[in-house]
Amino acid sequence: MRHKGASELLKKKGFKIDSTRLCITEKQLTEAVDSTPDIFTLKSLMSDKQVRIGGNDFIITSTSGATSVIDDQGRRRNATLSDYIGFLNSMILQRILKEKKCPGTTMF
């Protein structure tokens, strides 16, 4: 846990912090999930966009995408739309290989 405020809050709530790692028990995870509201709104930090989660809402969205990447020279840089499209293409290829039962294919 590198965020001091989050680390202090979690410690006050009884979570164990080991250096930069948060150690969470199954009971703590279950209690945290059970305490979430049935409906909540996610708001973007970069715009006025928001999405309501829960209820009868239906949402299609990406569940992943890097904010930065390591290039072929080992340098970290901000991710681009092209990086994300490449990531999606690799996931599509992986799915095709799995459907064709190619050895060594792992689905995430």
C-alpha atoms as a PDB file:
ATOM      1  CA  MET A   1       0.000   0.000   0.000  1.00  0.00           C
ATOM      2  CA  ARG A   2       1.745   3.078  -1.240  1.00  0.00           C
ATOM      3  CA  HIS A   3      -1.102   5.507  -0.542  1.00  0.00           C
ATOM      4  CA  LYS A   4      -0.589   6.694   3.035  1.00  0.00           C
ATOM      5  CA  GLY A   5      -4.216   7.760   3.563  1.00  0.00           C
ATOM      6  CA  ALA A   6      -5.623   4.470   2.273  1.00  0.00           C
ATOM      7  CA  SER A   7      -3.089   2.517   4.317  1.00  0.00           C
ATOM      8  CA  GLU A   8      -4.026   4.341   7.528  1.00  0.00           C
ATOM      9  CA  LEU A   9      -7.756   3.901   6.903  1.00  0.00           C
ATOM     10  CA  LEU A  10      -7.379   0.168   6.252  1.00  0.00           C
ATOM     11  CA  LYS A  11      -5.240  -0.274   9.380  1.00  0.00           C
ATOM     12  CA  LYS A  12      -7.953   1.457  11.451  1.00  0.00           C
ATOM     13  CA  LYS A  13     -10.462  -1.002   9.953  1.00  0.00           C
ATOM     14  CA  GLY A  14      -8.331  -3.947  11.138  1.00  0.00           C
ATOM     15  CA  PHE A  15      -6.570  -4.851   7.893  1.00  0.00           C
ATOM     16  CA  LYS A  16      -2.934  -5.944   8.056  1.00  0.00           C
ATOM     17  CA  ILE A  17      -0.455  -4.002   5.941  1.00  0.00           C
ATOM     18  CA  ASP A  18       2.815  -5.837   5.242  1.00  0.00           C
ATOM     19  CA  SER A  19       5.261  -3.350   3.707  1.00  0.00           C
ATOM     20  CA  THR A  20       3.466  -2.421   0.471  1.00  0.00           C
ATOM     21  CA  ARG A  21       0.981  -5.318   0.522  1.00  0.00           C
ATOM     22  CA  LEU A  22      -2.525  -5.431   1.883  1.00  0.00           C
ATOM     23  CA  CYS A  23      -3.271  -8.727   3.639  1.00  0.00           C
ATOM     24  CA  ILE A  24      -6.994  -9.450   3.642  1.00  0.00           C
ATOM     25  CA  THR A  25      -8.840 -12.416   5.114  1.00  0.00           C
ATOM     26  CA  GLU A  26     -11.795 -14.139   3.499  1.00  0.00           C
ATOM     27  CA  LYS A  27     -14.013 -12.789   6.286  1.00  0.00           C
ATOM     28  CA  GLN A  28     -12.859  -9.206   5.665  1.00  0.00           C
ATOM     29  CA  LEU A  29     -13.460  -9.593   1.921  1.00  0.00           C
ATOM     30  CA  THR A  30     -16.949 -11.036   2.467  1.00  0.00           C
ATOM     31  CA  GLU A  31     -17.851  -8.229   4.881  1.00  0.00           C
ATOM     32  CA  ALA A  32     -16.577  -5.607   2.430  1.00  0.00           C
ATOM     33  CA  VAL A  33     -18.589  -7.068  -0.451  1.00  0.00           C
ATOM     34  CA  ASP A  34     -21.698  -7.433   1.722  1.00  0.00           C
ATOM     35  CA  SER A  35     -21.428  -3.773   2.773  1.00  0.00           C
ATOM     36  CA  THR A  36     -21.532  -2.415  -0.795  1.00  0.00           C
ATOM     37  CA  PRO A  37     -24.780  -0.758  -1.865  1.00  0.00           C
ATOM     38  CA  ASP A  38     -27.049  -2.443  -4.425  1.00  0.00           C
ATOM     39  CA  ILE A  39     -26.783   0.606  -6.695  1.00  0.00           C
ATOM     40  CA  PHE A  40     -23.903   3.073  -6.980  1.00  0.00           C
ATOM     41  CA  THR A  41     -22.447   5.537  -9.486  1.00  0.00           C
ATOM     42  CA  LEU A  42     -18.928   5.477 -10.886  1.00  0.00           C
ATOM     43  CA  LYS A  43     -17.755   8.932 -11.890  1.00  0.00           C
ATOM     44  CA  SER A  44     -14.863   9.660 -14.224  1.00  0.00           C
ATOM     45  CA  LEU A  45     -11.945  11.680 -12.915  1.00  0.00           C
ATOM     46  CA  MET A  46     -11.211  13.021 -16.401  1.00  0.00           C
ATOM     47  CA  SER A  47     -14.667  14.148 -17.549  1.00  0.00           C
ATOM     48  CA  ASP A  48     -18.263  14.626 -16.544  1.00  0.00           C
ATOM     49  CA  LYS A  49     -19.134  11.063 -17.610  1.00  0.00           C
ATOM     50  CA  GLN A  50     -20.565   8.628 -15.124  1.00  0.00           C
ATOM     51  CA  VAL A  51     -22.195   5.198 -15.086  1.00  0.00           C
ATOM     52  CA  ARG A  52     -24.747   3.758 -12.686  1.00  0.00           C
ATOM     53  CA  ILE A  53     -24.001   0.219 -11.485  1.00  0.00           C
ATOM     54  CA  GLY A  54     -26.753  -2.051 -10.180  1.00  0.00           C
ATOM     55  CA  GLY A  55     -30.507  -2.129 -10.358  1.00  0.00           C
ATOM     56  CA  ASN A  56     -31.837  -3.002 -13.788  1.00  0.00           C
ATOM     57  CA  ASP A  57     -29.096  -1.137 -15.670  1.00  0.00           C
ATOM     58  CA  PHE A  58     -27.212  -2.965 -18.428  1.00  0.00           C
ATOM     59  CA  ILE A  59     -23.640  -1.864 -19.047  1.00  0.00           C
ATOM     60  CA  ILE A  60     -21.114  -3.006 -21.639  1.00  0.00           C
ATOM     61  CA  THR A  61     -17.603  -1.843 -20.891  1.00  0.00           C
ATOM     62  CA  SER A  62     -14.021  -2.950 -20.920  1.00  0.00           C
ATOM     63  CA  THR A  63     -12.823  -4.419 -17.658  1.00  0.00           C
ATOM     64  CA  SER A  64      -9.172  -3.798 -18.300  1.00  0.00           C
ATOM     65  CA  GLY A  65      -6.745  -1.524 -19.980  1.00  0.00           C
ATOM     66  CA  ALA A  66      -3.335  -0.345 -18.947  1.00  0.00           C
ATOM     67  CA  THR A  67      -2.708   3.301 -18.163  1.00  0.00           C
ATOM     68  CA  SER A  68       0.951   2.740 -19.006  1.00  0.00           C
ATOM     69  CA  VAL A  69       3.002   0.165 -20.895  1.00  0.00           C
ATOM     70  CA  ILE A  70       6.600  -0.993 -21.018  1.00  0.00           C
ATOM     71  CA  ASP A  71       7.927  -0.624 -24.552  1.00  0.00           C
ATOM     72  CA  ASP A  72      10.311  -3.024 -26.311  1.00  0.00           C
ATOM     73  CA  GLN A  73      13.262  -1.016 -24.952  1.00  0.00           C
ATOM     74  CA  GLY A  74      12.089  -1.479 -21.347  1.00  0.00           C
ATOM     75  CA  ARG A  75      10.893   2.126 -20.973  1.00  0.00           C
ATOM     76  CA  ARG A  76       7.592   2.971 -19.315  1.00  0.00           C
ATOM     77  CA  ARG A  77       5.255   5.313 -21.212  1.00  0.00           C
ATOM     78  CA  ASN A  78       1.612   6.323 -21.202  1.00  0.00           C
ATOM     79  CA  ALA A  79      -0.635   3.835 -22.987  1.00  0.00           C
ATOM     80  CA  THR A  80      -2.329   4.886 -26.225  1.00  0.00           C
ATOM     81  CA  LEU A  81      -5.491   3.849 -28.007  1.00  0.00           C
ATOM     82  CA  SER A  82      -3.264   1.842 -30.370  1.00  0.00           C
ATOM     83  CA  ASP A  83      -1.886  -0.101 -27.370  1.00  0.00           C
ATOM     84  CA  TYR A  84      -5.402  -0.883 -26.205  1.00  0.00           C
ATOM     85  CA  ILE A  85      -6.475  -2.046 -29.681  1.00  0.00           C
ATOM     86  CA  GLY A  86      -3.403  -4.292 -29.779  1.00  0.00           C
ATOM     87  CA  PHE A  87      -4.370  -5.708 -26.391  1.00  0.00           C
ATOM     88  CA  LEU A  88      -7.911  -6.427 -27.600  1.00  0.00           C
ATOM     89  CA  ASN A  89      -6.592  -8.079 -30.757  1.00  0.00           C
ATOM     90  CA  SER A  90      -4.334 -10.332 -28.695  1.00  0.00           C
ATOM     91  CA  MET A  91      -7.320 -11.357 -26.552  1.00  0.00           C
ATOM     92  CA  ILE A  92      -9.324 -12.177 -29.694  1.00  0.00           C
ATOM     93  CA  LEU A  93      -6.446 -14.250 -31.071  1.00  0.00           C
ATOM     94  CA  GLN A  94      -6.113 -16.044 -27.759  1.00  0.00           C
ATOM     95  CA  ARG A  95      -9.834 -16.938 -27.828  1.00  0.00           C
ATOM     96  CA  ILE A  96      -9.549 -18.277 -31.394  1.00  0.00           C
ATOM     97  CA  LEU A  97      -6.545 -20.410 -30.453  1.00  0.00           C
ATOM     98  CA  LYS A  98      -8.359 -21.778 -27.413  1.00  0.00           C
ATOM     99  CA  GLU A  99     -11.447 -22.654 -29.488  1.00  0.00           C
ATOM    100  CA  LYS A 100      -9.195 -24.520 -31.926  1.00  0.00           C
ATOM    101  CA  LYS A 101      -7.676 -26.310 -28.926  1.00  0.00           C
ATOM    102  CA  CYS A 102      -4.127 -25.175 -29.609  1.00  0.00           C
ATOM    103  CA  PRO A 103      -1.724 -26.398 -26.906  1.00  0.00           C
ATOM    104  CA  GLY A 104      -0.321 -23.847 -24.508  1.00  0.00           C
ATOM    105  CA  THR A 105      -3.225 -21.386 -24.847  1.00  0.00           C
ATOM    106  CA  THR A 106      -4.384 -19.714 -21.651  1.00  0.00           C
ATOM    107  CA  MET A 107      -7.603 -17.705 -21.364  1.00  0.00           C
ATOM    108  CA  PHE A 108      -7.776 -14.873 -18.856  1.00  0.00           C
END
